[in-house]
Structures are given as C-alpha cells and as structure tokens.
Amino acid sequence: MTTKTRVSFQELLSASPVILGEGAVIERLRRSAGVRLDEHVVNSALIYQDMGRSALEAICRQYLDIGQRYNIPLLLSTPTWRAGKERIAAAGLAEALATAGADFLLASTLPALSEAIG
C-alpha cells in the first residue's frame, strides 16, 4: 500500500520535470451522449447532475490512470470554465469557489474583465 502525501502546487512544480495536463475536456463532454453543456457556464453546471458528474469522473479518471501508470504528477482543472459572476448568476448557480480551499488558481482564456473578476 502506498502512502499519499499532499504537496502544494509550488512544490510540485519545483520537484517535477514533467507534469501531465488534461486537455479538451469540454470538447470530449460535448461529444458525450446524454451530456448537455450549460449555455452560460458550459461544463460548470455538470457537477449538479448525476449524468454530468459521471461524465466528468470518467474523463478525469482516464487522466489519473495515465499519471499513476507512468508515475507523472497531474494538473487537473476544475469544471469552472466561464464561471464568472454574471454567468453563474444567469445559470442560477452559487459561486462557492472562494470557500473551497483551493491552493492554486489557473486563469486562462479570459476574454472579458468580468470573467477574470468572477
């Protein structure tokens, strides 16, 4: 049995010459049978649906399995694409990220200041 130790993102970057990153998750979800992406927050709303959680879990599990198989750390993003304040409100969802205890936030492809502030 292996013991798992939590390390910070900074420690992971310093200690790992290679880090596996997931890619095209939204496109994979878009092509999944039975999955409907939200018009406002795309894949963020999937965590509230059984089918959506299952689809997200299956994709994430594939990346986790690859990382474990080759002993490569994994940077796996949360399903928070387009999760800005206005879009979250329009989708009828609550903004809980601030209290989730994340130790690193990656902000990419932010075409509007409102998304970055969210």
N, C-alpha and C. Protein backbone atom coordinates (compact mmCIF):
# COMPACT_ATOMS: atom_id res chain seq x y z
N MET A 1 0.85 -1.18 0.00
CA MET A 1 0.00 0.00 0.00
C MET A 1 0.89 1.24 0.00
N THR A 2 0.57 2.19 -0.87
CA THR A 2 1.36 3.41 -0.93
C THR A 2 0.72 4.49 -0.08
N THR A 3 1.55 5.34 0.48
CA THR A 3 1.07 6.46 1.26
C THR A 3 1.08 7.70 0.39
N LYS A 4 -0.03 8.41 0.36
CA LYS A 4 -0.14 9.61 -0.46
C LYS A 4 0.06 10.83 0.43
N THR A 5 0.92 11.71 -0.01
CA THR A 5 1.20 12.94 0.72
C THR A 5 0.76 14.12 -0.12
N ARG A 6 0.06 15.04 0.48
CA ARG A 6 -0.38 16.24 -0.24
C ARG A 6 0.79 17.22 -0.30
N VAL A 7 1.06 17.71 -1.49
CA VAL A 7 2.09 18.72 -1.68
C VAL A 7 1.45 19.95 -2.33
N SER A 8 2.03 21.09 -2.11
CA SER A 8 1.49 22.31 -2.72
C SER A 8 1.84 22.32 -4.20
N PHE A 9 1.15 23.16 -4.93
CA PHE A 9 1.41 23.28 -6.36
C PHE A 9 2.84 23.76 -6.61
N GLN A 10 3.30 24.70 -5.79
CA GLN A 10 4.66 25.21 -5.94
C GLN A 10 5.69 24.09 -5.73
N GLU A 11 5.48 23.23 -4.74
CA GLU A 11 6.39 22.11 -4.50
C GLU A 11 6.38 21.15 -5.68
N LEU A 12 5.20 20.92 -6.24
CA LEU A 12 5.07 20.03 -7.39
C LEU A 12 5.84 20.58 -8.59
N LEU A 13 5.71 21.87 -8.85
CA LEU A 13 6.45 22.50 -9.96
C LEU A 13 7.96 22.39 -9.76
N SER A 14 8.40 22.58 -8.53
CA SER A 14 9.83 22.54 -8.25
C SER A 14 10.41 21.13 -8.36
N ALA A 15 9.62 20.13 -8.01
CA ALA A 15 10.14 18.77 -7.93
C ALA A 15 9.92 17.93 -9.19
N SER A 16 9.10 18.39 -10.11
CA SER A 16 8.72 17.55 -11.25
C SER A 16 9.19 18.12 -12.58
N PRO A 17 10.01 17.38 -13.31
CA PRO A 17 10.44 17.87 -14.62
C PRO A 17 9.31 17.83 -15.65
N VAL A 18 8.32 16.97 -15.44
CA VAL A 18 7.19 16.83 -16.36
C VAL A 18 5.91 16.75 -15.54
N ILE A 19 4.89 17.46 -15.98
CA ILE A 19 3.58 17.39 -15.34
C ILE A 19 2.55 17.13 -16.43
N LEU A 20 1.74 16.11 -16.25
CA LEU A 20 0.68 15.77 -17.19
C LEU A 20 -0.48 16.76 -17.00
N GLY A 21 -1.00 17.29 -18.09
CA GLY A 21 -2.15 18.18 -18.04
C GLY A 21 -3.28 17.64 -18.88
N GLU A 22 -4.48 17.79 -18.39
CA GLU A 22 -5.63 17.33 -19.18
C GLU A 22 -5.86 18.29 -20.32
N GLY A 23 -6.59 17.83 -21.32
CA GLY A 23 -6.85 18.68 -22.46
C GLY A 23 -8.16 18.35 -23.14
N ALA A 24 -8.79 19.36 -23.66
CA ALA A 24 -10.02 19.24 -24.46
C ALA A 24 -11.16 18.55 -23.71
N VAL A 25 -11.24 18.75 -22.41
CA VAL A 25 -12.31 18.12 -21.62
C VAL A 25 -13.67 18.58 -22.10
N ILE A 26 -13.83 19.87 -22.34
CA ILE A 26 -15.14 20.37 -22.78
C ILE A 26 -15.52 19.76 -24.12
N GLU A 27 -14.58 19.65 -25.04
CA GLU A 27 -14.89 19.04 -26.33
C GLU A 27 -15.26 17.57 -26.18
N ARG A 28 -14.60 16.88 -25.28
CA ARG A 28 -14.95 15.47 -25.03
C ARG A 28 -16.35 15.37 -24.43
N LEU A 29 -16.69 16.28 -23.53
CA LEU A 29 -18.03 16.30 -22.93
C LEU A 29 -19.07 16.63 -23.98
N ARG A 30 -18.76 17.59 -24.85
CA ARG A 30 -19.69 18.00 -25.90
C ARG A 30 -20.08 16.81 -26.78
N ARG A 31 -19.20 15.87 -26.93
CA ARG A 31 -19.44 14.70 -27.79
C ARG A 31 -19.96 13.48 -27.02
N SER A 32 -20.16 13.65 -25.71
CA SER A 32 -20.65 12.54 -24.88
C SER A 32 -22.17 12.45 -24.94
N ALA A 33 -22.67 11.26 -25.16
CA ALA A 33 -24.12 11.05 -25.21
C ALA A 33 -24.74 11.37 -23.85
N GLY A 34 -25.84 12.09 -23.88
CA GLY A 34 -26.57 12.39 -22.65
C GLY A 34 -26.06 13.58 -21.86
N VAL A 35 -24.98 14.20 -22.31
CA VAL A 35 -24.42 15.35 -21.60
C VAL A 35 -24.86 16.63 -22.30
N ARG A 36 -25.41 17.55 -21.52
CA ARG A 36 -25.83 18.85 -22.07
C ARG A 36 -25.04 19.93 -21.36
N LEU A 37 -24.28 20.69 -22.13
CA LEU A 37 -23.50 21.78 -21.57
C LEU A 37 -24.38 23.01 -21.40
N ASP A 38 -24.19 23.72 -20.30
CA ASP A 38 -24.99 24.89 -19.99
C ASP A 38 -24.62 26.06 -20.92
N GLU A 39 -25.61 26.80 -21.38
CA GLU A 39 -25.35 27.91 -22.29
C GLU A 39 -24.56 29.04 -21.63
N HIS A 40 -24.60 29.13 -20.31
CA HIS A 40 -23.92 30.22 -19.61
C HIS A 40 -22.55 29.81 -19.06
N VAL A 41 -22.48 28.65 -18.44
CA VAL A 41 -21.24 28.24 -17.76
C VAL A 41 -20.65 26.95 -18.31
N VAL A 42 -21.08 26.54 -19.45
CA VAL A 42 -20.58 25.38 -20.19
C VAL A 42 -20.59 24.12 -19.31
N ASN A 43 -19.43 23.68 -18.81
CA ASN A 43 -19.37 22.42 -18.05
C ASN A 43 -19.49 22.61 -16.55
N SER A 44 -19.53 23.83 -16.06
CA SER A 44 -19.59 24.06 -14.61
C SER A 44 -20.85 23.49 -13.97
N ALA A 45 -21.95 23.52 -14.68
CA ALA A 45 -23.22 23.04 -14.13
C ALA A 45 -23.30 21.52 -14.04
N LEU A 46 -22.38 20.82 -14.69
CA LEU A 46 -22.45 19.35 -14.72
C LEU A 46 -22.28 18.72 -13.34
N ILE A 47 -21.63 19.41 -12.41
CA ILE A 47 -21.44 18.83 -11.08
C ILE A 47 -22.76 18.67 -10.33
N TYR A 48 -23.82 19.33 -10.79
CA TYR A 48 -25.12 19.24 -10.15
C TYR A 48 -26.03 18.17 -10.76
N GLN A 49 -25.52 17.42 -11.73
CA GLN A 49 -26.32 16.40 -12.42
C GLN A 49 -25.61 15.04 -12.30
N ASP A 50 -26.36 13.98 -12.04
CA ASP A 50 -25.76 12.65 -11.95
C ASP A 50 -25.00 12.28 -13.22
N MET A 51 -25.63 12.46 -14.38
CA MET A 51 -25.00 12.12 -15.66
C MET A 51 -23.76 12.98 -15.89
N GLY A 52 -23.86 14.26 -15.55
CA GLY A 52 -22.73 15.17 -15.72
C GLY A 52 -21.55 14.80 -14.84
N ARG A 53 -21.83 14.49 -13.57
CA ARG A 53 -20.75 14.07 -12.66
C ARG A 53 -20.10 12.78 -13.14
N SER A 54 -20.90 11.87 -13.63
CA SER A 54 -20.35 10.60 -14.14
C SER A 54 -19.45 10.83 -15.35
N ALA A 55 -19.88 11.72 -16.24
CA ALA A 55 -19.07 12.02 -17.43
C ALA A 55 -17.76 12.69 -17.04
N LEU A 56 -17.83 13.65 -16.13
CA LEU A 56 -16.62 14.31 -15.65
C LEU A 56 -15.69 13.32 -14.96
N GLU A 57 -16.26 12.47 -14.14
CA GLU A 57 -15.45 11.48 -13.42
C GLU A 57 -14.75 10.53 -14.38
N ALA A 58 -15.44 10.09 -15.40
CA ALA A 58 -14.84 9.15 -16.36
C ALA A 58 -13.64 9.78 -17.08
N ILE A 59 -13.80 11.03 -17.48
CA ILE A 59 -12.70 11.71 -18.17
C ILE A 59 -11.53 11.96 -17.22
N CYS A 60 -11.83 12.44 -16.03
CA CYS A 60 -10.77 12.69 -15.04
C CYS A 60 -10.07 11.39 -14.65
N ARG A 61 -10.81 10.31 -14.53
CA ARG A 61 -10.24 9.02 -14.16
C ARG A 61 -9.23 8.57 -15.21
N GLN A 62 -9.52 8.81 -16.49
CA GLN A 62 -8.57 8.43 -17.53
C GLN A 62 -7.24 9.14 -17.35
N TYR A 63 -7.28 10.44 -17.07
CA TYR A 63 -6.05 11.19 -16.84
C TYR A 63 -5.33 10.72 -15.57
N LEU A 64 -6.10 10.49 -14.50
CA LEU A 64 -5.50 9.99 -13.26
C LEU A 64 -4.80 8.65 -13.49
N ASP A 65 -5.45 7.77 -14.22
CA ASP A 65 -4.87 6.45 -14.50
C ASP A 65 -3.57 6.56 -15.29
N ILE A 66 -3.52 7.47 -16.26
CA ILE A 66 -2.30 7.66 -17.04
C ILE A 66 -1.18 8.17 -16.13
N GLY A 67 -1.49 9.15 -15.30
CA GLY A 67 -0.49 9.68 -14.37
C GLY A 67 0.03 8.61 -13.43
N GLN A 68 -0.86 7.80 -12.90
CA GLN A 68 -0.43 6.72 -12.00
C GLN A 68 0.38 5.66 -12.74
N ARG A 69 -0.06 5.30 -13.93
CA ARG A 69 0.64 4.27 -14.70
C ARG A 69 2.09 4.67 -14.99
N TYR A 70 2.31 5.95 -15.30
CA TYR A 70 3.65 6.40 -15.67
C TYR A 70 4.34 7.23 -14.57
N ASN A 71 3.73 7.27 -13.39
CA ASN A 71 4.27 7.98 -12.24
C ASN A 71 4.58 9.44 -12.59
N ILE A 72 3.59 10.11 -13.20
CA ILE A 72 3.70 11.51 -13.60
C ILE A 72 2.64 12.29 -12.82
N PRO A 73 3.03 13.40 -12.18
CA PRO A 73 2.02 14.22 -11.50
C PRO A 73 1.05 14.81 -12.52
N LEU A 74 -0.17 15.08 -12.06
CA LEU A 74 -1.23 15.55 -12.94
C LEU A 74 -1.76 16.89 -12.49
N LEU A 75 -1.89 17.81 -13.43
CA LEU A 75 -2.57 19.08 -13.19
C LEU A 75 -3.94 18.95 -13.84
N LEU A 76 -4.96 18.80 -13.01
CA LEU A 76 -6.32 18.58 -13.47
C LEU A 76 -7.16 19.80 -13.10
N SER A 77 -7.77 20.41 -14.06
CA SER A 77 -8.56 21.62 -13.82
C SER A 77 -9.95 21.29 -13.30
N THR A 78 -10.53 22.24 -12.60
CA THR A 78 -11.91 22.09 -12.14
C THR A 78 -12.86 22.48 -13.27
N PRO A 79 -14.09 22.03 -13.22
CA PRO A 79 -15.05 22.41 -14.27
C PRO A 79 -15.62 23.80 -14.01
N THR A 80 -14.79 24.81 -14.17
CA THR A 80 -15.23 26.18 -13.88
C THR A 80 -15.06 27.10 -15.08
N TRP A 81 -15.10 26.54 -16.27
CA TRP A 81 -14.99 27.34 -17.48
C TRP A 81 -16.15 28.34 -17.53
N ARG A 82 -15.85 29.57 -17.79
CA ARG A 82 -16.84 30.65 -17.88
C ARG A 82 -17.58 30.87 -16.56
N ALA A 83 -16.97 30.56 -15.46
CA ALA A 83 -17.64 30.69 -14.16
C ALA A 83 -17.45 32.08 -13.56
N GLY A 84 -17.69 33.10 -14.36
CA GLY A 84 -17.65 34.47 -13.87
C GLY A 84 -18.94 34.80 -13.14
N LYS A 85 -18.91 35.85 -12.36
CA LYS A 85 -20.04 36.25 -11.51
C LYS A 85 -21.36 36.35 -12.28
N GLU A 86 -21.34 37.04 -13.41
CA GLU A 86 -22.58 37.24 -14.18
C GLU A 86 -23.09 35.93 -14.77
N ARG A 87 -22.20 35.12 -15.31
CA ARG A 87 -22.62 33.85 -15.93
C ARG A 87 -23.15 32.87 -14.87
N ILE A 88 -22.53 32.85 -13.71
CA ILE A 88 -23.01 31.98 -12.64
C ILE A 88 -24.42 32.38 -12.22
N ALA A 89 -24.64 33.67 -12.08
CA ALA A 89 -25.98 34.16 -11.73
C ALA A 89 -26.99 33.82 -12.82
N ALA A 90 -26.61 34.01 -14.09
CA ALA A 90 -27.52 33.71 -15.20
C ALA A 90 -27.87 32.23 -15.26
N ALA A 91 -26.94 31.38 -14.85
CA ALA A 91 -27.18 29.94 -14.85
C ALA A 91 -27.94 29.48 -13.60
N GLY A 92 -28.14 30.39 -12.65
CA GLY A 92 -28.85 30.04 -11.42
C GLY A 92 -28.01 29.21 -10.46
N LEU A 93 -26.70 29.42 -10.47
CA LEU A 93 -25.79 28.66 -9.61
C LEU A 93 -25.18 29.58 -8.56
N ALA A 94 -24.65 29.00 -7.46
CA ALA A 94 -23.97 29.76 -6.39
C ALA A 94 -22.47 29.77 -6.66
N GLU A 95 -21.71 30.84 -6.41
CA GLU A 95 -20.24 30.94 -6.53
C GLU A 95 -19.60 30.51 -5.23
N ALA A 96 -19.14 29.17 -5.15
CA ALA A 96 -18.59 28.59 -3.93
C ALA A 96 -17.08 28.44 -3.98
N LEU A 97 -16.44 28.85 -5.07
CA LEU A 97 -15.00 28.67 -5.22
C LEU A 97 -14.21 29.38 -4.13
N ALA A 98 -14.65 30.55 -3.70
CA ALA A 98 -13.91 31.33 -2.71
C ALA A 98 -13.76 30.59 -1.38
N THR A 99 -14.67 29.69 -1.06
CA THR A 99 -14.60 28.98 0.22
C THR A 99 -14.15 27.53 0.06
N ALA A 100 -13.70 27.16 -1.14
CA ALA A 100 -13.36 25.76 -1.41
C ALA A 100 -11.98 25.35 -0.93
N GLY A 101 -11.13 26.30 -0.59
CA GLY A 101 -9.80 25.96 -0.09
C GLY A 101 -8.79 25.64 -1.18
N ALA A 102 -8.96 26.18 -2.37
CA ALA A 102 -8.01 25.93 -3.46
C ALA A 102 -6.67 26.57 -3.13
N ASP A 103 -5.57 25.88 -3.51
CA ASP A 103 -4.25 26.46 -3.25
C ASP A 103 -3.61 27.02 -4.51
N PHE A 104 -4.28 26.90 -5.64
CA PHE A 104 -3.77 27.45 -6.89
C PHE A 104 -4.93 27.69 -7.83
N LEU A 105 -4.96 28.84 -8.48
CA LEU A 105 -5.98 29.14 -9.48
C LEU A 105 -5.29 29.42 -10.80
N LEU A 106 -5.77 28.78 -11.85
CA LEU A 106 -5.26 28.99 -13.20
C LEU A 106 -6.34 29.74 -13.97
N ALA A 107 -6.02 30.90 -14.44
CA ALA A 107 -6.96 31.69 -15.22
C ALA A 107 -6.44 31.75 -16.65
N SER A 108 -7.16 31.12 -17.55
CA SER A 108 -6.73 31.12 -18.94
C SER A 108 -7.89 31.50 -19.84
N THR A 109 -7.57 32.08 -20.95
CA THR A 109 -8.54 32.49 -21.95
C THR A 109 -9.67 33.30 -21.33
N LEU A 110 -9.32 34.43 -20.78
CA LEU A 110 -10.31 35.31 -20.17
C LEU A 110 -10.55 36.50 -21.10
N PRO A 111 -11.57 36.40 -21.96
CA PRO A 111 -11.80 37.44 -22.95
C PRO A 111 -12.45 38.70 -22.38
N ALA A 112 -12.92 38.64 -21.15
CA ALA A 112 -13.59 39.80 -20.55
C ALA A 112 -13.13 39.98 -19.12
N LEU A 113 -13.00 41.21 -18.68
CA LEU A 113 -12.60 41.50 -17.31
C LEU A 113 -13.58 40.89 -16.31
N SER A 114 -14.86 40.85 -16.65
CA SER A 114 -15.87 40.28 -15.74
C SER A 114 -15.60 38.81 -15.45
N GLU A 115 -15.05 38.07 -16.42
CA GLU A 115 -14.71 36.66 -16.17
C GLU A 115 -13.53 36.56 -15.23
N ALA A 116 -12.56 37.43 -15.38
CA ALA A 116 -11.37 37.39 -14.51
C ALA A 116 -11.75 37.76 -13.08
N ILE A 117 -12.63 38.73 -12.91
CA ILE A 117 -13.06 39.14 -11.57
C ILE A 117 -13.88 38.05 -10.91
N GLY A 118 -14.67 37.30 -11.69
CA GLY A 118 -15.52 36.25 -11.16
C GLY A 118 -14.74 35.21 -10.45
